[in-house]
Amino acid sequence: MKRFFLTAALVISGSIPSGAYASTWLRMGGPASKPVGHYEYCKSHRSDCRAHGGAGRLASSRMGVLRSVNLRVNRSVKSMSDWDHYGKREVWRLPVNKAGDCEDYVLEKRAELMRRGYSASDLLIAVGRRHGEPHAVLVVRTDKGDFVLDNMTDAVLPAAKTSVRISKIQSPENSAEWLRVTGLTKKVAGL
């Protein structure tokens, strides 16, 4: 029990030693349907929904940037459903008036990380279920594995440790395309 609390404290504080978790990545399968909200988002943000090549490699030393962006966005955006905010069931937008739902947090984190030099091919929106409810997160592909940035926790967690059961994810080669997630793997081609 002590080890769990120590690990949780290290995750939250951002002081995880580089070898604390085994490298794991999400295993991607065949094509998946696009979330309706993302399809609509792409109509007005074509430059953010296009082919951009393969996955790159991020240095583990950039984990501090991931942690600070995750924390800043989680604390600066007020959680609000699309129905309460826009009067619609599903809208994907950068947070308007600093309010939004899970997809809006993801878009804000993704935009901020891209401004800081991260490649779109390494910043993948993923959707699935958290405690049975639909949920979106940002998956960051690194040379140390896939890490999840979630508005429900300030910790940046390895894909193997997230409470979200991810079912589909953007393709690393084309952010307008989506792939099924079929599990976890210890090897990723090109990494």
N, C-alpha and C. Protein backbone atom coordinates (compact mmCIF):
# COMPACT_ATOMS: atom_id res chain seq x y z
N MET A 1 0.82 -1.19 0.00
CA MET A 1 0.00 0.00 0.00
C MET A 1 0.87 1.26 0.00
N LYS A 2 1.98 1.24 0.76
CA LYS A 2 2.88 2.38 0.79
C LYS A 2 3.43 2.67 -0.60
N ARG A 3 3.77 1.61 -1.34
CA ARG A 3 4.34 1.78 -2.67
C ARG A 3 3.35 2.47 -3.60
N PHE A 4 2.06 2.12 -3.52
CA PHE A 4 1.04 2.76 -4.34
C PHE A 4 1.00 4.26 -4.09
N PHE A 5 0.96 4.65 -2.81
CA PHE A 5 0.89 6.07 -2.48
C PHE A 5 2.16 6.80 -2.89
N LEU A 6 3.32 6.17 -2.75
CA LEU A 6 4.57 6.78 -3.18
C LEU A 6 4.57 6.96 -4.68
N THR A 7 4.15 5.93 -5.43
CA THR A 7 4.09 6.03 -6.88
C THR A 7 3.12 7.12 -7.30
N ALA A 8 1.94 7.17 -6.68
CA ALA A 8 0.94 8.20 -7.01
C ALA A 8 1.51 9.59 -6.73
N ALA A 9 2.22 9.75 -5.62
CA ALA A 9 2.80 11.05 -5.28
C ALA A 9 3.86 11.44 -6.31
N LEU A 10 4.67 10.49 -6.75
CA LEU A 10 5.69 10.78 -7.75
C LEU A 10 5.06 11.14 -9.08
N VAL A 11 3.99 10.44 -9.48
CA VAL A 11 3.30 10.74 -10.73
C VAL A 11 2.75 12.15 -10.70
N ILE A 12 2.07 12.51 -9.62
CA ILE A 12 1.45 13.82 -9.50
C ILE A 12 2.50 14.92 -9.43
N SER A 13 3.58 14.69 -8.71
CA SER A 13 4.60 15.72 -8.57
C SER A 13 5.46 15.87 -9.81
N GLY A 14 5.42 14.87 -10.70
CA GLY A 14 6.24 14.95 -11.91
C GLY A 14 7.65 14.46 -11.70
N SER A 15 7.91 13.71 -10.62
CA SER A 15 9.26 13.27 -10.30
C SER A 15 9.50 11.80 -10.58
N ILE A 16 8.83 11.25 -11.57
CA ILE A 16 9.00 9.83 -11.87
C ILE A 16 10.36 9.62 -12.53
N PRO A 17 11.14 8.69 -11.99
CA PRO A 17 12.39 8.36 -12.66
C PRO A 17 12.10 7.81 -14.05
N SER A 18 13.01 8.03 -15.01
CA SER A 18 12.74 7.64 -16.40
C SER A 18 12.47 6.16 -16.56
N GLY A 19 12.97 5.28 -15.73
CA GLY A 19 12.74 3.86 -15.87
C GLY A 19 11.62 3.31 -15.01
N ALA A 20 10.79 4.17 -14.43
CA ALA A 20 9.76 3.73 -13.49
C ALA A 20 8.69 2.87 -14.13
N TYR A 21 8.41 3.06 -15.41
CA TYR A 21 7.40 2.27 -16.09
C TYR A 21 8.02 1.62 -17.31
N ALA A 22 7.57 0.40 -17.60
CA ALA A 22 8.02 -0.25 -18.82
C ALA A 22 7.42 0.51 -20.00
N SER A 23 8.14 0.61 -21.08
CA SER A 23 7.64 1.30 -22.26
C SER A 23 6.52 0.49 -22.90
N THR A 24 5.34 1.10 -23.00
CA THR A 24 4.22 0.48 -23.68
C THR A 24 3.54 1.52 -24.57
N TRP A 25 3.05 1.04 -25.69
CA TRP A 25 2.34 1.88 -26.64
C TRP A 25 0.99 1.25 -26.91
N LEU A 26 0.05 2.07 -27.35
CA LEU A 26 -1.25 1.54 -27.78
C LEU A 26 -1.04 0.81 -29.10
N ARG A 27 -1.61 -0.38 -29.22
CA ARG A 27 -1.55 -1.14 -30.46
C ARG A 27 -2.71 -0.70 -31.33
N MET A 28 -2.42 -0.26 -32.54
CA MET A 28 -3.45 0.24 -33.44
C MET A 28 -3.81 -0.81 -34.47
N GLY A 29 -5.13 -0.93 -34.71
CA GLY A 29 -5.63 -1.88 -35.70
C GLY A 29 -6.08 -1.16 -36.96
N GLY A 30 -7.11 -1.72 -37.58
CA GLY A 30 -7.62 -1.17 -38.83
C GLY A 30 -8.41 0.12 -38.64
N PRO A 31 -8.95 0.62 -39.74
CA PRO A 31 -9.70 1.88 -39.70
C PRO A 31 -10.89 1.82 -38.74
N ALA A 32 -11.19 2.98 -38.15
CA ALA A 32 -12.33 3.12 -37.24
C ALA A 32 -13.15 4.33 -37.72
N SER A 33 -14.40 4.36 -37.33
CA SER A 33 -15.24 5.50 -37.69
C SER A 33 -14.74 6.75 -36.98
N LYS A 34 -14.94 7.89 -37.62
CA LYS A 34 -14.55 9.16 -37.04
C LYS A 34 -15.62 9.60 -36.04
N PRO A 35 -15.23 10.10 -34.89
CA PRO A 35 -16.23 10.68 -34.00
C PRO A 35 -16.94 11.84 -34.71
N VAL A 36 -18.24 11.95 -34.52
CA VAL A 36 -19.03 12.99 -35.19
C VAL A 36 -18.46 14.37 -34.90
N GLY A 37 -18.12 14.63 -33.65
CA GLY A 37 -17.57 15.94 -33.29
C GLY A 37 -16.28 16.25 -34.02
N HIS A 38 -15.42 15.25 -34.20
CA HIS A 38 -14.16 15.47 -34.91
C HIS A 38 -14.41 15.70 -36.39
N TYR A 39 -15.35 14.98 -36.96
CA TYR A 39 -15.72 15.18 -38.36
C TYR A 39 -16.15 16.63 -38.59
N GLU A 40 -17.00 17.14 -37.72
CA GLU A 40 -17.47 18.53 -37.82
C GLU A 40 -16.32 19.51 -37.57
N TYR A 41 -15.47 19.23 -36.61
CA TYR A 41 -14.31 20.07 -36.31
C TYR A 41 -13.42 20.20 -37.56
N CYS A 42 -13.21 19.10 -38.25
CA CYS A 42 -12.33 19.09 -39.42
C CYS A 42 -12.88 19.93 -40.57
N LYS A 43 -14.18 20.10 -40.65
CA LYS A 43 -14.76 20.93 -41.72
C LYS A 43 -14.26 22.37 -41.62
N SER A 44 -14.06 22.86 -40.41
CA SER A 44 -13.62 24.25 -40.24
C SER A 44 -12.15 24.37 -39.84
N HIS A 45 -11.46 23.26 -39.64
CA HIS A 45 -10.04 23.27 -39.26
C HIS A 45 -9.26 22.29 -40.15
N ARG A 46 -9.35 22.50 -41.45
CA ARG A 46 -8.74 21.56 -42.40
C ARG A 46 -7.23 21.41 -42.20
N SER A 47 -6.54 22.46 -41.81
CA SER A 47 -5.09 22.37 -41.63
C SER A 47 -4.71 21.49 -40.43
N ASP A 48 -5.66 21.26 -39.53
CA ASP A 48 -5.42 20.40 -38.37
C ASP A 48 -5.88 18.96 -38.62
N CYS A 49 -6.39 18.70 -39.82
CA CYS A 49 -6.95 17.38 -40.15
C CYS A 49 -6.41 16.95 -41.51
N ARG A 50 -5.16 16.52 -41.52
CA ARG A 50 -4.53 16.18 -42.80
C ARG A 50 -3.40 15.18 -42.57
N ALA A 51 -2.87 14.68 -43.68
CA ALA A 51 -1.71 13.80 -43.62
C ALA A 51 -0.49 14.61 -43.20
N HIS A 52 0.36 14.02 -42.35
CA HIS A 52 1.55 14.73 -41.91
C HIS A 52 2.74 13.82 -41.70
N GLY A 53 2.72 12.65 -42.26
CA GLY A 53 3.87 11.76 -42.15
C GLY A 53 3.75 10.79 -41.00
N GLY A 54 4.84 10.17 -40.67
CA GLY A 54 4.85 9.15 -39.61
C GLY A 54 5.15 9.72 -38.25
N ALA A 55 5.23 8.84 -37.29
CA ALA A 55 5.49 9.24 -35.90
C ALA A 55 6.95 9.64 -35.73
N GLY A 56 7.18 10.64 -34.92
CA GLY A 56 8.53 11.09 -34.59
C GLY A 56 8.99 10.50 -33.27
N ARG A 57 10.04 11.03 -32.74
CA ARG A 57 10.56 10.58 -31.45
C ARG A 57 10.69 11.78 -30.53
N LEU A 58 10.09 11.70 -29.37
CA LEU A 58 10.20 12.78 -28.39
C LEU A 58 11.17 12.37 -27.30
N ALA A 59 12.02 13.29 -26.91
CA ALA A 59 12.96 13.02 -25.83
C ALA A 59 12.22 12.93 -24.50
N SER A 60 12.64 12.03 -23.64
CA SER A 60 12.00 11.89 -22.33
C SER A 60 12.18 13.16 -21.49
N SER A 61 13.17 13.96 -21.79
CA SER A 61 13.40 15.19 -21.02
C SER A 61 12.27 16.20 -21.21
N ARG A 62 11.39 15.98 -22.17
CA ARG A 62 10.28 16.89 -22.41
C ARG A 62 9.05 16.54 -21.56
N MET A 63 9.15 15.54 -20.69
CA MET A 63 8.02 15.17 -19.84
C MET A 63 7.59 16.33 -18.96
N GLY A 64 8.50 17.18 -18.57
CA GLY A 64 8.16 18.34 -17.76
C GLY A 64 7.20 19.27 -18.50
N VAL A 65 7.38 19.39 -19.81
CA VAL A 65 6.49 20.22 -20.62
C VAL A 65 5.10 19.60 -20.64
N LEU A 66 5.02 18.28 -20.83
CA LEU A 66 3.72 17.60 -20.83
C LEU A 66 2.99 17.83 -19.51
N ARG A 67 3.72 17.68 -18.42
CA ARG A 67 3.11 17.86 -17.10
C ARG A 67 2.60 19.28 -16.90
N SER A 68 3.41 20.27 -17.29
CA SER A 68 2.99 21.66 -17.05
C SER A 68 1.81 22.05 -17.92
N VAL A 69 1.78 21.61 -19.18
CA VAL A 69 0.64 21.91 -20.05
C VAL A 69 -0.62 21.22 -19.55
N ASN A 70 -0.51 19.95 -19.17
CA ASN A 70 -1.67 19.22 -18.66
C ASN A 70 -2.25 19.93 -17.43
N LEU A 71 -1.39 20.29 -16.51
CA LEU A 71 -1.83 20.95 -15.28
C LEU A 71 -2.44 22.33 -15.56
N ARG A 72 -1.77 23.13 -16.39
CA ARG A 72 -2.27 24.48 -16.67
C ARG A 72 -3.65 24.44 -17.33
N VAL A 73 -3.81 23.58 -18.35
CA VAL A 73 -5.10 23.51 -19.03
C VAL A 73 -6.17 22.96 -18.10
N ASN A 74 -5.85 21.91 -17.34
CA ASN A 74 -6.84 21.34 -16.42
C ASN A 74 -7.34 22.38 -15.43
N ARG A 75 -6.45 23.26 -14.99
CA ARG A 75 -6.84 24.25 -13.98
C ARG A 75 -7.43 25.52 -14.57
N SER A 76 -7.18 25.80 -15.84
CA SER A 76 -7.66 27.07 -16.41
C SER A 76 -8.99 26.94 -17.17
N VAL A 77 -9.39 25.71 -17.49
CA VAL A 77 -10.64 25.49 -18.23
C VAL A 77 -11.69 24.94 -17.27
N LYS A 78 -12.87 25.55 -17.27
CA LYS A 78 -13.97 25.10 -16.43
C LYS A 78 -14.73 24.01 -17.18
N SER A 79 -14.98 22.90 -16.50
CA SER A 79 -15.72 21.81 -17.11
C SER A 79 -17.18 22.20 -17.33
N MET A 80 -17.64 22.05 -18.60
CA MET A 80 -19.02 22.38 -18.94
C MET A 80 -19.44 21.53 -20.14
N SER A 81 -20.60 20.93 -20.06
CA SER A 81 -21.07 20.07 -21.15
C SER A 81 -21.37 20.92 -22.39
N ASP A 82 -21.30 20.28 -23.55
CA ASP A 82 -21.64 20.97 -24.80
C ASP A 82 -23.09 21.45 -24.77
N TRP A 83 -23.97 20.66 -24.16
CA TRP A 83 -25.37 21.05 -24.09
C TRP A 83 -25.53 22.36 -23.30
N ASP A 84 -24.85 22.45 -22.16
CA ASP A 84 -24.93 23.67 -21.35
C ASP A 84 -24.23 24.85 -22.02
N HIS A 85 -23.15 24.57 -22.73
CA HIS A 85 -22.34 25.63 -23.34
C HIS A 85 -22.89 26.12 -24.67
N TYR A 86 -23.29 25.17 -25.54
CA TYR A 86 -23.69 25.52 -26.90
C TYR A 86 -25.14 25.18 -27.23
N GLY A 87 -25.80 24.44 -26.34
CA GLY A 87 -27.15 23.99 -26.64
C GLY A 87 -27.18 22.88 -27.67
N LYS A 88 -26.03 22.17 -27.83
CA LYS A 88 -25.90 21.05 -28.77
C LYS A 88 -25.29 19.87 -28.04
N ARG A 89 -25.52 18.68 -28.59
CA ARG A 89 -25.04 17.46 -27.95
C ARG A 89 -23.52 17.29 -28.06
N GLU A 90 -22.94 17.61 -29.22
CA GLU A 90 -21.52 17.34 -29.43
C GLU A 90 -20.87 18.44 -30.26
N VAL A 91 -19.97 19.19 -29.66
CA VAL A 91 -19.23 20.26 -30.34
C VAL A 91 -17.76 20.16 -29.91
N TRP A 92 -16.85 20.07 -30.88
CA TRP A 92 -15.42 20.07 -30.59
C TRP A 92 -14.86 21.44 -30.96
N ARG A 93 -14.37 22.17 -29.97
CA ARG A 93 -13.78 23.50 -30.18
C ARG A 93 -12.71 23.75 -29.13
N LEU A 94 -11.80 24.63 -29.48
CA LEU A 94 -10.91 25.12 -28.43
C LEU A 94 -11.80 25.80 -27.40
N PRO A 95 -11.49 25.69 -26.12
CA PRO A 95 -12.39 26.21 -25.09
C PRO A 95 -12.76 27.69 -25.30
N VAL A 96 -14.05 27.93 -25.41
CA VAL A 96 -14.60 29.28 -25.55
C VAL A 96 -14.92 29.77 -24.15
N ASN A 97 -14.51 30.99 -23.82
CA ASN A 97 -14.72 31.54 -22.47
C ASN A 97 -14.12 30.64 -21.40
N LYS A 98 -13.04 29.94 -21.78
CA LYS A 98 -12.32 29.05 -20.86
C LYS A 98 -13.24 28.02 -20.21
N ALA A 99 -14.18 27.50 -21.01
CA ALA A 99 -15.07 26.43 -20.55
C ALA A 99 -15.20 25.41 -21.67
N GLY A 100 -15.37 24.14 -21.31
CA GLY A 100 -15.55 23.11 -22.31
C GLY A 100 -15.63 21.73 -21.70
N ASP A 101 -15.80 20.74 -22.56
CA ASP A 101 -15.83 19.35 -22.08
C ASP A 101 -14.53 18.66 -22.48
N CYS A 102 -14.47 17.34 -22.32
CA CYS A 102 -13.20 16.62 -22.46
C CYS A 102 -12.51 16.85 -23.80
N GLU A 103 -13.29 16.88 -24.90
CA GLU A 103 -12.65 17.09 -26.21
C GLU A 103 -12.03 18.48 -26.30
N ASP A 104 -12.66 19.45 -25.67
CA ASP A 104 -12.14 20.82 -25.71
C ASP A 104 -10.83 20.94 -24.93
N TYR A 105 -10.73 20.24 -23.81
CA TYR A 105 -9.47 20.20 -23.07
C TYR A 105 -8.38 19.59 -23.96
N VAL A 106 -8.73 18.50 -24.65
CA VAL A 106 -7.76 17.82 -25.52
C VAL A 106 -7.27 18.76 -26.61
N LEU A 107 -8.19 19.46 -27.26
CA LEU A 107 -7.81 20.37 -28.34
C LEU A 107 -6.91 21.49 -27.83
N GLU A 108 -7.19 22.00 -26.64
CA GLU A 108 -6.36 23.07 -26.05
C GLU A 108 -4.96 22.54 -25.74
N LYS A 109 -4.86 21.35 -25.15
CA LYS A 109 -3.55 20.78 -24.83
C LYS A 109 -2.76 20.50 -26.10
N ARG A 110 -3.44 19.95 -27.11
CA ARG A 110 -2.78 19.64 -28.37
C ARG A 110 -2.24 20.91 -29.03
N ALA A 111 -3.06 21.96 -29.07
CA ALA A 111 -2.64 23.23 -29.68
C ALA A 111 -1.44 23.82 -28.93
N GLU A 112 -1.47 23.77 -27.61
CA GLU A 112 -0.37 24.32 -26.80
C GLU A 112 0.91 23.52 -27.03
N LEU A 113 0.82 22.21 -27.08
CA LEU A 113 2.02 21.39 -27.29
C LEU A 113 2.57 21.58 -28.70
N MET A 114 1.71 21.78 -29.68
CA MET A 114 2.19 22.05 -31.04
C MET A 114 2.90 23.40 -31.10
N ARG A 115 2.39 24.39 -30.37
CA ARG A 115 3.09 25.69 -30.30
C ARG A 115 4.47 25.54 -29.66
N ARG A 116 4.63 24.54 -28.82
CA ARG A 116 5.91 24.30 -28.14
C ARG A 116 6.81 23.34 -28.92
N GLY A 117 6.43 23.01 -30.15
CA GLY A 117 7.31 22.23 -31.02
C GLY A 117 7.00 20.76 -31.15
N TYR A 118 5.96 20.27 -30.50
CA TYR A 118 5.60 18.87 -30.66
C TYR A 118 4.98 18.66 -32.03
N SER A 119 5.18 17.49 -32.60
CA SER A 119 4.64 17.14 -33.91
C SER A 119 3.20 16.64 -33.79
N ALA A 120 2.36 17.01 -34.76
CA ALA A 120 0.98 16.52 -34.78
C ALA A 120 0.93 14.99 -34.81
N SER A 121 1.93 14.36 -35.42
CA SER A 121 1.95 12.90 -35.51
C SER A 121 2.18 12.23 -34.16
N ASP A 122 2.62 13.00 -33.15
CA ASP A 122 2.85 12.47 -31.81
C ASP A 122 1.79 12.90 -30.81
N LEU A 123 0.83 13.72 -31.25
CA LEU A 123 -0.24 14.23 -30.39
C LEU A 123 -1.57 13.73 -30.93
N LEU A 124 -2.03 12.62 -30.42
CA LEU A 124 -3.19 11.94 -30.99
C LEU A 124 -4.40 12.00 -30.06
N ILE A 125 -5.50 12.45 -30.61
CA ILE A 125 -6.76 12.44 -29.85
C ILE A 125 -7.26 11.01 -29.81
N ALA A 126 -7.67 10.56 -28.65
CA ALA A 126 -8.19 9.20 -28.48
C ALA A 126 -9.52 9.28 -27.76
N VAL A 127 -10.41 8.36 -28.08
CA VAL A 127 -11.71 8.31 -27.41
C VAL A 127 -11.95 6.89 -26.91
N GLY A 128 -12.76 6.82 -25.88
CA GLY A 128 -13.10 5.55 -25.28
C GLY A 128 -14.09 5.76 -24.16
N ARG A 129 -13.95 4.98 -23.11
CA ARG A 129 -14.87 5.07 -21.98
C ARG A 129 -14.09 5.16 -20.68
N ARG A 130 -14.60 6.01 -19.80
CA ARG A 130 -14.06 6.17 -18.45
C ARG A 130 -15.23 5.91 -17.51
N HIS A 131 -15.14 4.87 -16.73
CA HIS A 131 -16.22 4.48 -15.82
C HIS A 131 -17.54 4.35 -16.57
N GLY A 132 -17.49 3.80 -17.79
CA GLY A 132 -18.68 3.55 -18.60
C GLY A 132 -19.18 4.73 -19.40
N GLU A 133 -18.62 5.91 -19.20
CA GLU A 133 -19.05 7.12 -19.92
C GLU A 133 -18.09 7.45 -21.06
N PRO A 134 -18.60 7.96 -22.20
CA PRO A 134 -17.71 8.37 -23.29
C PRO A 134 -16.73 9.44 -22.80
N HIS A 135 -15.48 9.34 -23.27
CA HIS A 135 -14.46 10.27 -22.80
C HIS A 135 -13.36 10.39 -23.86
N ALA A 136 -12.77 11.58 -23.97
CA ALA A 136 -11.64 11.83 -24.87
C ALA A 136 -10.42 12.24 -24.07
N VAL A 137 -9.25 11.82 -24.56
CA VAL A 137 -7.97 12.17 -23.94
C VAL A 137 -6.97 12.47 -25.05
N LEU A 138 -5.85 13.07 -24.67
CA LEU A 138 -4.75 13.28 -25.60
C LEU A 138 -3.69 12.24 -25.31
N VAL A 139 -3.28 11.50 -26.34
CA VAL A 139 -2.20 10.52 -26.21
C VAL A 139 -0.96 11.12 -26.86
N VAL A 140 0.14 11.15 -26.10
CA VAL A 140 1.41 11.67 -26.60
C VAL A 140 2.34 10.48 -26.79
N ARG A 141 2.79 10.30 -28.03
CA ARG A 141 3.69 9.20 -28.36
C ARG A 141 5.12 9.65 -28.12
N THR A 142 5.86 8.91 -27.28
CA THR A 142 7.26 9.25 -27.00
C THR A 142 8.11 8.02 -27.16
N ASP A 143 9.41 8.22 -27.08
CA ASP A 143 10.33 7.08 -27.14
C ASP A 143 10.26 6.26 -25.86
N LYS A 144 9.55 6.72 -24.84
CA LYS A 144 9.37 5.99 -23.59
C LYS A 144 7.99 5.35 -23.50
N GLY A 145 7.18 5.45 -24.56
CA GLY A 145 5.84 4.87 -24.57
C GLY A 145 4.79 5.95 -24.82
N ASP A 146 3.54 5.52 -24.82
CA ASP A 146 2.41 6.44 -24.99
C ASP A 146 1.98 6.95 -23.63
N PHE A 147 1.79 8.26 -23.52
CA PHE A 147 1.35 8.88 -22.28
C PHE A 147 0.02 9.59 -22.51
N VAL A 148 -0.84 9.56 -21.49
CA VAL A 148 -2.19 10.10 -21.58
C VAL A 148 -2.32 11.38 -20.76
N LEU A 149 -2.82 12.42 -21.41
CA LEU A 149 -3.17 13.68 -20.75
C LEU A 149 -4.69 13.73 -20.70
N ASP A 150 -5.24 13.80 -19.49
CA ASP A 150 -6.67 13.67 -19.26
C ASP A 150 -7.13 14.81 -18.36
N ASN A 151 -8.27 15.40 -18.67
CA ASN A 151 -8.77 16.49 -17.83
C ASN A 151 -9.27 15.99 -16.48
N MET A 152 -9.37 14.69 -16.29
CA MET A 152 -9.85 14.13 -15.02
C MET A 152 -8.72 13.88 -14.02
N THR A 153 -7.46 14.08 -14.43
CA THR A 153 -6.33 13.93 -13.53
C THR A 153 -5.21 14.86 -13.97
N ASP A 154 -4.48 15.39 -13.00
CA ASP A 154 -3.35 16.25 -13.31
C ASP A 154 -2.08 15.44 -13.61
N ALA A 155 -2.11 14.15 -13.35
CA ALA A 155 -0.96 13.29 -13.62
C ALA A 155 -0.91 12.94 -15.10
N VAL A 156 0.30 12.90 -15.66
CA VAL A 156 0.51 12.39 -17.01
C VAL A 156 0.82 10.92 -16.84
N LEU A 157 -0.08 10.07 -17.32
CA LEU A 157 0.03 8.63 -17.04
C LEU A 157 0.41 7.83 -18.28
N PRO A 158 1.22 6.77 -18.09
CA PRO A 158 1.46 5.84 -19.19
C PRO A 158 0.15 5.23 -19.64
N ALA A 159 0.03 4.91 -20.92
CA ALA A 159 -1.20 4.34 -21.46
C ALA A 159 -1.67 3.12 -20.67
N ALA A 160 -0.74 2.34 -20.15
CA ALA A 160 -1.09 1.15 -19.39
C ALA A 160 -1.71 1.46 -18.03
N LYS A 161 -1.58 2.71 -17.56
CA LYS A 161 -2.04 3.07 -16.22
C LYS A 161 -3.29 3.97 -16.22
N THR A 162 -3.80 4.35 -17.38
CA THR A 162 -4.95 5.25 -17.43
C THR A 162 -6.24 4.50 -17.08
N SER A 163 -7.22 5.23 -16.55
CA SER A 163 -8.52 4.63 -16.24
C SER A 163 -9.46 4.70 -17.45
N VAL A 164 -8.98 5.22 -18.56
CA VAL A 164 -9.79 5.30 -19.78
C VAL A 164 -9.55 4.06 -20.62
N ARG A 165 -10.62 3.42 -21.01
CA ARG A 165 -10.52 2.26 -21.91
C ARG A 165 -10.61 2.81 -23.34
N ILE A 166 -9.46 3.03 -23.94
CA ILE A 166 -9.38 3.69 -25.25
C ILE A 166 -9.78 2.69 -26.34
N SER A 167 -10.71 3.11 -27.19
CA SER A 167 -11.19 2.23 -28.26
C SER A 167 -10.75 2.67 -29.65
N LYS A 168 -10.53 3.99 -29.84
CA LYS A 168 -10.03 4.45 -31.13
C LYS A 168 -9.20 5.71 -30.95
N ILE A 169 -8.34 5.94 -31.96
CA ILE A 169 -7.34 7.00 -31.87
C ILE A 169 -7.06 7.54 -33.27
N GLN A 170 -6.62 8.79 -33.33
CA GLN A 170 -6.21 9.35 -34.61
C GLN A 170 -5.01 8.58 -35.15
N SER A 171 -4.91 8.50 -36.45
CA SER A 171 -3.75 7.88 -37.09
C SER A 171 -2.54 8.80 -36.96
N PRO A 172 -1.37 8.25 -36.63
CA PRO A 172 -0.16 9.08 -36.57
C PRO A 172 0.22 9.66 -37.94
N GLU A 173 -0.23 9.03 -39.02
CA GLU A 173 0.11 9.50 -40.36
C GLU A 173 -0.85 10.54 -40.90
N ASN A 174 -2.11 10.55 -40.40
CA ASN A 174 -3.13 11.47 -40.92
C ASN A 174 -4.14 11.75 -39.82
N SER A 175 -4.14 12.97 -39.30
CA SER A 175 -5.00 13.29 -38.17
C SER A 175 -6.48 13.38 -38.52
N ALA A 176 -6.83 13.22 -39.79
CA ALA A 176 -8.24 13.15 -40.17
C ALA A 176 -8.75 11.71 -40.14
N GLU A 177 -7.86 10.75 -40.05
CA GLU A 177 -8.22 9.33 -40.05
C GLU A 177 -8.14 8.76 -38.64
N TRP A 178 -8.95 7.77 -38.37
CA TRP A 178 -9.00 7.13 -37.05
C TRP A 178 -8.76 5.64 -37.18
N LEU A 179 -8.14 5.06 -36.13
CA LEU A 179 -7.82 3.63 -36.08
C LEU A 179 -8.39 3.01 -34.80
N ARG A 180 -8.70 1.73 -34.89
CA ARG A 180 -9.13 0.99 -33.70
C ARG A 180 -7.92 0.77 -32.80
N VAL A 181 -8.13 0.74 -31.49
CA VAL A 181 -7.09 0.38 -30.54
C VAL A 181 -7.38 -1.05 -30.10
N THR A 182 -6.39 -1.92 -30.28
CA THR A 182 -6.59 -3.34 -30.00
C THR A 182 -5.84 -3.85 -28.77
N GLY A 183 -5.20 -2.97 -28.04
CA GLY A 183 -4.47 -3.38 -26.82
C GLY A 183 -3.21 -2.57 -26.66
N LEU A 184 -2.25 -3.16 -25.96
CA LEU A 184 -0.95 -2.53 -25.71
C LEU A 184 0.15 -3.38 -26.31
N THR A 185 1.26 -2.75 -26.62
CA THR A 185 2.41 -3.46 -27.16
C THR A 185 3.69 -2.89 -26.55
N LYS A 186 4.74 -3.69 -26.53
CA LYS A 186 6.04 -3.23 -26.04
C LYS A 186 6.92 -2.72 -27.18
N LYS A 187 6.47 -2.90 -28.43
CA LYS A 187 7.26 -2.45 -29.58
C LYS A 187 6.38 -1.66 -30.52
N VAL A 188 6.93 -0.59 -31.04
CA VAL A 188 6.25 0.20 -32.07
C VAL A 188 7.23 0.37 -33.22
N ALA A 189 6.77 0.10 -34.42
CA ALA A 189 7.64 0.26 -35.59
C ALA A 189 8.18 1.67 -35.65
N GLY A 190 9.47 1.81 -35.88
CA GLY A 190 10.09 3.12 -36.04
C GLY A 190 10.54 3.77 -34.74
N LEU A 191 10.19 3.19 -33.61
CA LEU A 191 10.63 3.79 -32.33
C LEU A 191 11.69 2.94 -31.69
